[in-house]
C-alpha atoms as a PDB file:
ATOM      1  CA  UNK A   1     -72.598   4.082   0.926  1.00  0.00           C
ATOM      2  CA  UNK A   2     -73.661   6.631  -1.626  1.00  0.00           C
ATOM      3  CA  UNK A   3     -74.991   6.262  -5.108  1.00  0.00           C
ATOM      4  CA  UNK A   4     -75.236   8.839  -7.828  1.00  0.00           C
ATOM      5  CA  UNK A   5     -78.583   8.723  -9.534  1.00  0.00           C
ATOM      6  CA  UNK A   6     -80.701  11.129 -11.468  1.00  0.00           C
ATOM      7  CA  UNK A   7     -83.418  12.524  -9.224  1.00  0.00           C
ATOM      8  CA  UNK A   8     -86.444  14.393 -10.550  1.00  0.00           C
ATOM      9  CA  UNK A   9     -88.991  16.810  -9.205  1.00  0.00           C
ATOM     10  CA  UNK A  10     -92.146  16.379 -11.240  1.00  0.00           C
ATOM     11  CA  UNK A  11     -94.928  18.947 -11.053  1.00  0.00           C
ATOM     12  CA  UNK A  12     -98.692  18.592 -11.122  1.00  0.00           C
ATOM     13  CA  UNK A  13     -98.773  20.157 -14.600  1.00  0.00           C
ATOM     14  CA  UNK A  14     -96.840  17.217 -16.080  1.00  0.00           C
ATOM     15  CA  UNK A  15     -98.617  14.111 -17.333  1.00  0.00           C
ATOM     16  CA  UNK A  16     -95.631  12.030 -16.178  1.00  0.00           C
ATOM     17  CA  UNK A  17     -96.480  12.914 -12.575  1.00  0.00           C
ATOM     18  CA  UNK A  18     -99.862  11.211 -12.850  1.00  0.00           C
ATOM     19  CA  UNK A  19     -98.543   8.284 -14.885  1.00  0.00           C
ATOM     20  CA  UNK A  20     -95.833   7.527 -12.339  1.00  0.00           C
ATOM     21  CA  UNK A  21     -98.245   8.012  -9.443  1.00  0.00           C
ATOM     22  CA  UNK A  22    -100.594   5.509 -11.118  1.00  0.00           C
ATOM     23  CA  UNK A  23     -97.673   3.104 -11.568  1.00  0.00           C
ATOM     24  CA  UNK A  24     -96.831   3.413  -7.847  1.00  0.00           C
ATOM     25  CA  UNK A  25    -100.464   2.776  -6.924  1.00  0.00           C
ATOM     26  CA  UNK A  26    -100.423  -0.337  -9.138  1.00  0.00           C
ATOM     27  CA  UNK A  27     -97.248  -1.521  -7.377  1.00  0.00           C
ATOM     28  CA  UNK A  28     -98.955  -0.784  -4.076  1.00  0.00           C
ATOM     29  CA  UNK A  29    -101.819  -3.039  -5.111  1.00  0.00           C
ATOM     30  CA  UNK A  30     -99.573  -5.991  -6.021  1.00  0.00           C
ATOM     31  CA  UNK A  31     -96.839  -5.765  -3.375  1.00  0.00           C
ATOM     32  CA  UNK A  32     -99.088  -5.886  -0.282  1.00  0.00           C
ATOM     33  CA  UNK A  33    -100.801  -8.983  -1.645  1.00  0.00           C
ATOM     34  CA  UNK A  34     -97.447 -10.785  -1.540  1.00  0.00           C
ATOM     35  CA  UNK A  35     -96.676  -9.615   1.981  1.00  0.00           C
ATOM     36  CA  UNK A  36    -100.143 -10.526   3.240  1.00  0.00           C
ATOM     37  CA  UNK A  37     -99.291 -14.156   2.488  1.00  0.00           C
ATOM     38  CA  UNK A  38     -97.023 -13.909   5.557  1.00  0.00           C
ATOM     39  CA  UNK A  39     -98.901 -13.814   8.891  1.00  0.00           C
ATOM     40  CA  UNK A  40     -99.037 -10.143   9.950  1.00  0.00           C
ATOM     41  CA  UNK A  41     -96.938  -9.356   6.856  1.00  0.00           C
ATOM     42  CA  UNK A  42     -98.607  -6.013   6.274  1.00  0.00           C
ATOM     43  CA  UNK A  43     -97.926  -4.850   9.823  1.00  0.00           C
ATOM     44  CA  UNK A  44     -94.383  -6.214   9.911  1.00  0.00           C
ATOM     45  CA  UNK A  45     -93.188  -5.030   6.489  1.00  0.00           C
ATOM     46  CA  UNK A  46     -95.387  -1.997   5.666  1.00  0.00           C
ATOM     47  CA  UNK A  47     -95.080  -2.636   1.912  1.00  0.00           C
ATOM     48  CA  UNK A  48     -96.906   0.547   0.881  1.00  0.00           C
ATOM     49  CA  UNK A  49     -94.172   2.606   2.496  1.00  0.00           C
ATOM     50  CA  UNK A  50     -91.398   1.041   0.389  1.00  0.00           C
ATOM     51  CA  UNK A  51     -92.979   2.112  -2.891  1.00  0.00           C
ATOM     52  CA  UNK A  52     -93.893   5.578  -1.598  1.00  0.00           C
ATOM     53  CA  UNK A  53     -90.379   6.182  -0.252  1.00  0.00           C
ATOM     54  CA  UNK A  54     -88.626   5.029  -3.432  1.00  0.00           C
ATOM     55  CA  UNK A  55     -91.052   6.863  -5.699  1.00  0.00           C
ATOM     56  CA  UNK A  56     -90.997  10.144  -3.799  1.00  0.00           C
ATOM     57  CA  UNK A  57     -87.221  10.064  -3.469  1.00  0.00           C
ATOM     58  CA  UNK A  58     -86.732   9.439  -7.200  1.00  0.00           C
ATOM     59  CA  UNK A  59     -89.521  11.586  -8.671  1.00  0.00           C
ATOM     60  CA  UNK A  60     -90.314  14.188  -6.023  1.00  0.00           C
ATOM     61  CA  UNK A  61     -92.757  14.746  -3.228  1.00  0.00           C
ATOM     62  CA  UNK A  62     -95.673  15.680  -5.493  1.00  0.00           C
ATOM     63  CA  UNK A  63     -95.641  12.339  -7.297  1.00  0.00           C
ATOM     64  CA  UNK A  64     -95.102  10.535  -4.001  1.00  0.00           C
ATOM     65  CA  UNK A  65     -97.928  12.447  -2.359  1.00  0.00           C
ATOM     66  CA  UNK A  66    -100.403  11.501  -5.095  1.00  0.00           C
ATOM     67  CA  UNK A  67     -99.479   7.845  -4.682  1.00  0.00           C
ATOM     68  CA  UNK A  68     -99.558   8.146  -0.876  1.00  0.00           C
ATOM     69  CA  UNK A  69    -103.098   9.511  -0.957  1.00  0.00           C
ATOM     70  CA  UNK A  70    -104.423   7.074  -3.555  1.00  0.00           C
ATOM     71  CA  UNK A  71    -102.709   3.793  -2.579  1.00  0.00           C
ATOM     72  CA  UNK A  72    -104.458   3.102   0.744  1.00  0.00           C
ATOM     73  CA  UNK A  73    -107.832   4.114  -0.662  1.00  0.00           C
ATOM     74  CA  UNK A  74    -107.535   1.900  -3.755  1.00  0.00           C
ATOM     75  CA  UNK A  75    -106.300  -1.015  -1.638  1.00  0.00           C
ATOM     76  CA  UNK A  76    -109.177  -0.555   0.768  1.00  0.00           C
ATOM     77  CA  UNK A  77    -111.726  -0.453  -2.047  1.00  0.00           C
ATOM     78  CA  UNK A  78    -110.277  -3.582  -3.693  1.00  0.00           C
ATOM     79  CA  UNK A  79    -109.254  -5.692  -0.699  1.00  0.00           C
ATOM     80  CA  UNK A  80    -110.607  -4.054   2.446  1.00  0.00           C
ATOM     81  CA  UNK A  81    -107.094  -3.317   3.717  1.00  0.00           C
ATOM     82  CA  UNK A  82    -106.178  -1.112   5.384  1.00  0.00           C
ATOM     83  CA  UNK A  83    -109.321  -1.074   7.482  1.00  0.00           C
ATOM     84  CA  UNK A  84    -111.383   2.092   7.148  1.00  0.00           C
ATOM     85  CA  UNK A  85    -110.888   2.838  10.846  1.00  0.00           C
ATOM     86  CA  UNK A  86    -107.126   3.315  10.333  1.00  0.00           C
ATOM     87  CA  UNK A  87    -107.276   4.896   6.897  1.00  0.00           C
ATOM     88  CA  UNK A  88    -106.686   8.446   8.146  1.00  0.00           C
ATOM     89  CA  UNK A  89    -103.603   7.367  10.099  1.00  0.00           C
ATOM     90  CA  UNK A  90    -102.219   5.424   7.120  1.00  0.00           C
ATOM     91  CA  UNK A  91    -102.737   8.364   4.754  1.00  0.00           C
ATOM     92  CA  UNK A  92    -101.025  10.783   7.144  1.00  0.00           C
ATOM     93  CA  UNK A  93     -98.058   8.449   7.619  1.00  0.00           C
ATOM     94  CA  UNK A  94     -97.615   7.819   3.892  1.00  0.00           C
ATOM     95  CA  UNK A  95     -98.091  11.489   2.985  1.00  0.00           C
ATOM     96  CA  UNK A  96     -95.511  12.485   5.604  1.00  0.00           C
ATOM     97  CA  UNK A  97     -93.077   9.923   4.226  1.00  0.00           C
ATOM     98  CA  UNK A  98     -93.608  11.139   0.650  1.00  0.00           C
ATOM     99  CA  UNK A  99     -93.079  14.796   1.516  1.00  0.00           C
ATOM    100  CA  UNK A 100     -90.000  14.215   3.671  1.00  0.00           C
ATOM    101  CA  UNK A 101     -88.443  11.845   1.115  1.00  0.00           C
ATOM    102  CA  UNK A 102     -89.057  14.172  -1.822  1.00  0.00           C
ATOM    103  CA  UNK A 103     -87.807  17.278  -0.037  1.00  0.00           C
ATOM    104  CA  UNK A 104     -84.720  15.438   1.245  1.00  0.00           C
ATOM    105  CA  UNK A 105     -83.850  14.146  -2.224  1.00  0.00           C
ATOM    106  CA  UNK A 106     -84.384  17.577  -3.750  1.00  0.00           C
ATOM    107  CA  UNK A 107     -82.193  19.238  -1.113  1.00  0.00           C
ATOM    108  CA  UNK A 108     -79.284  16.761  -0.961  1.00  0.00           C
ATOM    109  CA  UNK A 109     -79.459  15.497  -4.581  1.00  0.00           C
ATOM    110  CA  UNK A 110     -77.957  12.141  -3.594  1.00  0.00           C
ATOM    111  CA  UNK A 111     -78.958   8.842  -2.059  1.00  0.00           C
ATOM    112  CA  UNK A 112     -77.157   7.493   0.984  1.00  0.00           C
ATOM    113  CA  UNK A 113     -78.087   4.957   3.618  1.00  0.00           C
ATOM    114  CA  UNK A 114     -77.827   7.584   6.421  1.00  0.00           C
ATOM    115  CA  UNK A 115     -80.161   9.946   4.507  1.00  0.00           C
ATOM    116  CA  UNK A 116     -82.697   7.165   3.988  1.00  0.00           C
ATOM    117  CA  UNK A 117     -82.468   6.145   7.662  1.00  0.00           C
ATOM    118  CA  UNK A 118     -83.068   9.769   8.648  1.00  0.00           C
ATOM    119  CA  UNK A 119     -86.061  10.095   6.302  1.00  0.00           C
ATOM    120  CA  UNK A 120     -87.642   6.894   7.634  1.00  0.00           C
ATOM    121  CA  UNK A 121     -87.048   7.731  11.292  1.00  0.00           C
ATOM    122  CA  UNK A 122     -88.323  11.309  11.019  1.00  0.00           C
ATOM    123  CA  UNK A 123     -91.386  10.077   9.132  1.00  0.00           C
ATOM    124  CA  UNK A 124     -92.011   7.396  11.759  1.00  0.00           C
ATOM    125  CA  UNK A 125     -91.747   9.878  14.614  1.00  0.00           C
ATOM    126  CA  UNK A 126     -94.088  12.387  12.954  1.00  0.00           C
ATOM    127  CA  UNK A 127     -96.461   9.609  11.891  1.00  0.00           C
ATOM    128  CA  UNK A 128     -96.374   8.091  15.367  1.00  0.00           C
ATOM    129  CA  UNK A 129     -97.144  11.420  17.006  1.00  0.00           C
ATOM    130  CA  UNK A 130    -100.007  11.934  14.552  1.00  0.00           C
ATOM    131  CA  UNK A 131    -101.321   8.479  15.364  1.00  0.00           C
ATOM    132  CA  UNK A 132    -101.155   9.214  19.093  1.00  0.00           C
ATOM    133  CA  UNK A 133    -103.042  12.480  18.638  1.00  0.00           C
ATOM    134  CA  UNK A 134    -105.716  10.923  16.413  1.00  0.00           C
ATOM    135  CA  UNK A 135    -106.271   7.627  18.219  1.00  0.00           C
ATOM    136  CA  UNK A 136    -104.832   8.068  21.689  1.00  0.00           C
ATOM    137  CA  UNK A 137    -103.497   4.520  21.414  1.00  0.00           C
ATOM    138  CA  UNK A 138     -99.866   4.040  22.311  1.00  0.00           C
ATOM    139  CA  UNK A 139     -99.673   0.338  21.406  1.00  0.00           C
ATOM    140  CA  UNK A 140    -100.060   0.811  17.637  1.00  0.00           C
ATOM    141  CA  UNK A 141     -97.390   3.497  17.626  1.00  0.00           C
ATOM    142  CA  UNK A 142     -94.972   1.327  19.599  1.00  0.00           C
ATOM    143  CA  UNK A 143     -95.749  -1.634  17.319  1.00  0.00           C
ATOM    144  CA  UNK A 144     -94.351   0.320  14.363  1.00  0.00           C
ATOM    145  CA  UNK A 145     -90.934  -0.080  15.977  1.00  0.00           C
ATOM    146  CA  UNK A 146     -91.256  -3.353  17.905  1.00  0.00           C
ATOM    147  CA  UNK A 147     -93.121  -5.433  15.318  1.00  0.00           C
ATOM    148  CA  UNK A 148     -92.432  -3.296  12.259  1.00  0.00           C
ATOM    149  CA  UNK A 149     -88.647  -2.994  12.456  1.00  0.00           C
ATOM    150  CA  UNK A 150     -88.142  -5.416   9.517  1.00  0.00           C
ATOM    151  CA  UNK A 151     -90.305  -3.074   7.428  1.00  0.00           C
ATOM    152  CA  UNK A 152     -88.228  -0.080   8.452  1.00  0.00           C
ATOM    153  CA  UNK A 153     -85.094  -1.923   7.328  1.00  0.00           C
ATOM    154  CA  UNK A 154     -86.845  -2.934   4.114  1.00  0.00           C
ATOM    155  CA  UNK A 155     -87.733   0.690   3.444  1.00  0.00           C
ATOM    156  CA  UNK A 156     -84.154   1.888   3.876  1.00  0.00           C
ATOM    157  CA  UNK A 157     -82.250  -0.881   2.113  1.00  0.00           C
ATOM    158  CA  UNK A 158     -84.994  -1.745  -0.374  1.00  0.00           C
ATOM    159  CA  UNK A 159     -85.221   1.878  -1.479  1.00  0.00           C
ATOM    160  CA  UNK A 160     -81.451   2.147  -1.765  1.00  0.00           C
ATOM    161  CA  UNK A 161     -81.316  -0.984  -3.938  1.00  0.00           C
ATOM    162  CA  UNK A 162     -84.302   0.074  -6.061  1.00  0.00           C
ATOM    163  CA  UNK A 163     -82.800   3.502  -6.691  1.00  0.00           C
ATOM    164  CA  UNK A 164     -79.475   1.943  -7.648  1.00  0.00           C
ATOM    165  CA  UNK A 165     -81.268  -0.371 -10.082  1.00  0.00           C
ATOM    166  CA  UNK A 166     -83.248   2.519 -11.618  1.00  0.00           C
ATOM    167  CA  UNK A 167     -80.368   4.994 -11.864  1.00  0.00           C
ATOM    168  CA  UNK A 168     -81.614   6.646 -15.034  1.00  0.00           C
END
């Protein structure tokens, strides 16, 4: 499955970069609140990742990176989640996802399910290795795949659907 959409690479000199990043942060404030209504919804579905992946793929890694850096911090300041003790891991994982998604979109200039699966899996592996190095805990890294597999599917198929909806 492939969809033709217009992909952008916004730069830090453009106001649109900051406006879209702010929009993604706003989405990343609202969306987790919905998922946290489900027991362990944040861990299972990783809602911040969906917005970062879709945003970075559509508008480039720079916009995605801004949102990836700001979203966990704003959520923590407003709601206490993610916990401060895991903030550095969350930021690294989201930043990795944003960069890989943006670079992949810029290189291939198309959206396909296999490309999105590859982006998510590579990001998860790099993020998991980072988490292991920073925390030394294997259980949280394994949980990303054992508990968080619905979120990985949501990232892939949710992003594909979102990008098809917002073709222009």
